[in-house]
Amino acid sequence: MTTETSRRSPVVVPADPAWADRGLALTDRLRELLGPTAVRVEHIGSTAIPGMAAKEVFDVQVSVGDLDAAELAFAEPLADAGYELRPYRHDHVPAGLTDDPERWTKRMWQRRAATEQGPAVNLHVRLVGSPNERLALLFRDWFRAHPAAVPAYAEFKTVLAGTVDGVGVYSEVKDPVVDLVVAVAEEWAAETGWTA
């Protein structure tokens, strides 16, 4: 089903050095808001990578021990902070993995526009130790460790955003490219001993 959000054309903007501080303020605020149910709160995605062009939407990952309990615990404080629970309950499983899709479950809230409470946010709630929690951190950390790769990926996203008609199509086309990055990043993780 096509949603209003998926039909909107994506807008990718040049990197803003202020994103790092804004991401830190956002994660600090969410830690305070969500309490001990939030085991870990991390700024992830393109706005967390220095020099990376991005949609001006902050991706934040909240790691929890139980998704159903977190959904109940987070409902009121997130609604009060302008977030809406979205129906997305699974992440894309990278190509080539024969993993059970149920291992890639999540909950997701969005604050669709910047308000006095903060920036636009995609809030991904994932299980501690799950493959999708790990992948989000690996993707971010690999790019941080390989800044020479940032311009090419940023250019790809910028061109893609100017070519497709909606955020849904943008995400579908981008997923296989993310899979390529992750394949290289997995080798780096094994060589360096990186852990989430």
Protein backbone atom coordinates (compact mmCIF):
# COMPACT_ATOMS: atom_id res chain seq x y z
CA MET A 1 0.00 0.00 0.00
CA THR A 2 1.31 3.44 -0.90
CA THR A 3 1.20 5.94 1.92
CA GLU A 4 1.31 9.71 1.90
CA THR A 5 4.85 9.55 3.28
CA SER A 6 6.07 7.10 0.63
CA ARG A 7 4.66 9.28 -2.20
CA ARG A 8 6.54 12.41 -1.14
CA SER A 9 9.68 13.10 -3.14
CA PRO A 10 12.83 12.68 -1.06
CA VAL A 11 14.99 15.75 -0.54
CA VAL A 12 18.67 15.10 0.10
CA VAL A 13 20.69 18.08 1.29
CA PRO A 14 24.44 18.60 1.76
CA ALA A 15 25.93 17.57 5.08
CA ASP A 16 25.57 20.02 7.94
CA PRO A 17 28.32 19.97 10.59
CA ALA A 18 25.69 20.93 13.17
CA TRP A 19 23.98 17.54 12.76
CA ALA A 20 26.45 15.90 15.18
CA ASP A 21 25.56 18.24 18.05
CA ARG A 22 21.86 18.12 17.23
CA GLY A 23 22.01 14.31 17.19
CA LEU A 24 23.73 14.28 20.58
CA ALA A 25 21.10 16.60 22.06
CA LEU A 26 18.36 14.42 20.58
CA THR A 27 19.75 11.16 21.97
CA ASP A 28 20.27 12.76 25.39
CA ARG A 29 16.66 13.96 25.40
CA LEU A 30 15.35 10.54 24.35
CA ARG A 31 17.38 8.76 27.05
CA GLU A 32 15.77 11.04 29.61
CA LEU A 33 12.30 10.66 28.08
CA LEU A 34 12.34 6.86 27.71
CA GLY A 35 14.07 5.89 30.93
CA PRO A 36 15.68 2.54 31.74
CA THR A 37 13.62 0.58 29.18
CA ALA A 38 15.91 2.21 26.60
CA VAL A 39 19.08 0.17 27.11
CA ARG A 40 20.98 2.12 24.47
CA VAL A 41 20.15 5.24 22.40
CA GLU A 42 22.30 5.96 19.33
CA HIS A 43 22.32 8.55 16.56
CA ILE A 44 22.53 6.43 13.39
CA GLY A 45 22.02 6.88 9.66
CA SER A 46 23.42 9.48 7.32
CA THR A 47 23.10 12.48 9.63
CA ALA A 48 25.43 10.61 12.03
CA ILE A 49 28.19 10.34 9.40
CA PRO A 50 30.46 13.39 8.97
CA GLY A 51 30.26 14.83 5.46
CA MET A 52 27.32 12.66 4.33
CA ALA A 53 24.49 14.24 2.37
CA ALA A 54 21.15 13.22 3.84
CA LYS A 55 17.45 13.78 4.09
CA GLU A 56 17.15 16.24 6.96
CA VAL A 57 15.58 13.61 9.17
CA PHE A 58 17.50 12.22 12.12
CA ASP A 59 17.60 8.46 12.52
CA VAL A 60 17.87 7.29 16.11
CA GLN A 61 18.10 3.70 17.30
CA VAL A 62 16.78 2.71 20.70
CA SER A 63 17.84 -0.76 21.83
CA VAL A 64 15.52 -2.60 24.19
CA GLY A 65 15.17 -6.01 25.81
CA ASP A 66 11.53 -6.57 24.78
CA LEU A 67 9.76 -4.91 21.85
CA ASP A 68 6.22 -5.38 23.12
CA ALA A 69 7.08 -3.98 26.56
CA ALA A 70 8.90 -1.05 24.95
CA GLU A 71 5.94 -0.29 22.70
CA LEU A 72 3.72 0.00 25.76
CA ALA A 73 6.24 1.95 27.84
CA PHE A 74 7.13 4.39 25.07
CA ALA A 75 3.63 5.08 23.73
CA GLU A 76 2.69 7.98 26.00
CA PRO A 77 6.03 9.79 26.33
CA LEU A 78 6.68 9.61 22.59
CA ALA A 79 3.17 10.78 21.70
CA ASP A 80 3.62 13.72 24.08
CA ALA A 81 6.89 14.57 22.28
CA GLY A 82 5.20 14.60 18.85
CA TYR A 83 6.01 11.08 17.66
CA GLU A 84 3.58 8.77 15.87
CA LEU A 85 3.82 4.97 15.95
CA ARG A 86 4.16 3.69 12.39
CA PRO A 87 3.10 0.28 11.06
CA TYR A 88 6.60 -0.78 10.00
CA ARG A 89 7.55 -3.84 12.05
CA HIS A 90 10.39 -5.40 10.04
CA ASP A 91 13.64 -4.21 8.54
CA HIS A 92 15.00 -5.21 5.15
CA VAL A 93 17.03 -8.42 5.40
CA PRO A 94 20.24 -7.92 3.37
CA ALA A 95 20.42 -9.80 0.09
CA GLY A 96 22.18 -13.13 0.35
CA LEU A 97 21.15 -13.77 3.96
CA THR A 98 18.80 -16.65 4.57
CA ASP A 99 17.98 -15.26 8.00
CA ASP A 100 14.53 -15.59 9.53
CA PRO A 101 12.79 -12.22 8.93
CA GLU A 102 11.42 -12.43 12.49
CA ARG A 103 14.95 -11.76 13.74
CA TRP A 104 14.69 -8.36 11.98
CA THR A 105 11.62 -7.07 13.82
CA LYS A 106 11.37 -3.58 15.26
CA ARG A 107 8.99 -0.83 16.26
CA MET A 108 9.16 2.56 14.61
CA TRP A 109 7.97 6.01 15.54
CA GLN A 110 8.25 9.16 13.43
CA ARG A 111 8.19 12.84 14.13
CA ARG A 112 7.56 13.96 10.57
CA ALA A 113 8.55 17.59 10.83
CA ALA A 114 10.77 19.73 12.99
CA THR A 115 8.87 21.33 15.85
CA GLU A 116 9.72 23.32 18.96
CA GLN A 117 10.35 19.88 20.53
CA GLY A 118 13.11 19.04 18.06
CA PRO A 119 13.95 17.91 14.52
CA ALA A 120 12.16 15.43 12.27
CA VAL A 121 13.07 11.92 13.44
CA ASN A 122 12.79 8.28 12.42
CA LEU A 123 13.00 6.41 15.73
CA HIS A 124 13.88 2.74 15.26
CA VAL A 125 13.34 0.53 18.33
CA ARG A 126 15.22 -2.75 17.99
CA LEU A 127 16.15 -5.65 20.23
CA VAL A 128 19.54 -5.64 21.95
CA GLY A 129 21.80 -8.05 20.09
CA SER A 130 19.54 -8.37 17.05
CA PRO A 131 21.04 -8.36 13.55
CA ASN A 132 19.21 -5.17 12.57
CA GLU A 133 20.48 -3.35 15.68
CA ARG A 134 24.03 -4.41 14.77
CA LEU A 135 23.69 -3.53 11.08
CA ALA A 136 22.65 0.08 11.80
CA LEU A 137 25.72 0.61 13.99
CA LEU A 138 28.07 -1.18 11.58
CA PHE A 139 26.88 0.92 8.63
CA ARG A 140 27.47 4.15 10.56
CA ASP A 141 30.82 3.12 12.01
CA TRP A 142 32.21 1.77 8.72
CA PHE A 143 31.55 5.10 6.99
CA ARG A 144 33.03 7.02 9.93
CA ALA A 145 36.18 4.88 9.59
CA HIS A 146 36.26 5.28 5.78
CA PRO A 147 35.60 8.97 5.02
CA ALA A 148 36.93 8.54 1.47
CA ALA A 149 33.81 6.46 0.72
CA VAL A 150 31.41 9.17 1.89
CA PRO A 151 31.36 11.38 -1.25
CA ALA A 152 30.45 8.51 -3.59
CA TYR A 153 27.58 7.31 -1.42
CA ALA A 154 26.40 10.89 -0.87
CA GLU A 155 26.40 11.49 -4.63
CA PHE A 156 24.45 8.28 -5.22
CA LYS A 157 21.78 9.38 -2.75
CA THR A 158 21.59 12.89 -4.17
CA VAL A 159 21.17 11.64 -7.75
CA LEU A 160 18.67 8.99 -6.67
CA ALA A 161 16.56 11.52 -4.77
CA GLY A 162 16.42 13.70 -7.88
CA THR A 163 15.36 10.76 -10.04
CA VAL A 164 12.60 8.93 -8.14
CA ASP A 165 9.10 10.09 -7.29
CA GLY A 166 8.73 8.96 -3.71
CA VAL A 167 10.48 8.08 -0.48
CA GLY A 168 9.25 4.49 -0.77
CA VAL A 169 10.91 3.99 -4.16
CA TYR A 170 14.02 5.81 -2.90
CA SER A 171 14.32 3.32 -0.03
CA GLU A 172 13.71 0.29 -2.26
CA VAL A 173 16.43 1.33 -4.71
CA LYS A 174 18.84 2.25 -1.91
CA ASP A 175 18.50 -1.06 -0.03
CA PRO A 176 20.68 -3.15 -2.42
CA VAL A 177 23.39 -0.47 -2.33
CA VAL A 178 23.31 -0.55 1.47
CA ASP A 179 23.68 -4.33 1.18
CA LEU A 180 26.89 -3.80 -0.85
CA VAL A 181 28.29 -1.43 1.75
CA VAL A 182 27.42 -3.87 4.53
CA ALA A 183 29.19 -6.73 2.73
CA VAL A 184 32.41 -4.69 2.71
CA ALA A 185 31.77 -3.44 6.24
CA GLU A 186 31.42 -7.01 7.53
CA GLU A 187 34.93 -7.79 6.25
CA TRP A 188 36.23 -4.67 7.98
CA ALA A 189 34.47 -5.67 11.22
CA ALA A 190 36.05 -9.12 11.10
CA GLU A 191 39.52 -7.71 10.36
CA THR A 192 39.41 -5.02 13.06
CA GLY A 193 37.43 -6.79 15.76
CA TRP A 194 34.67 -4.15 15.60
CA THR A 195 31.67 -4.92 17.76
CA ALA A 196 28.35 -3.16 18.17
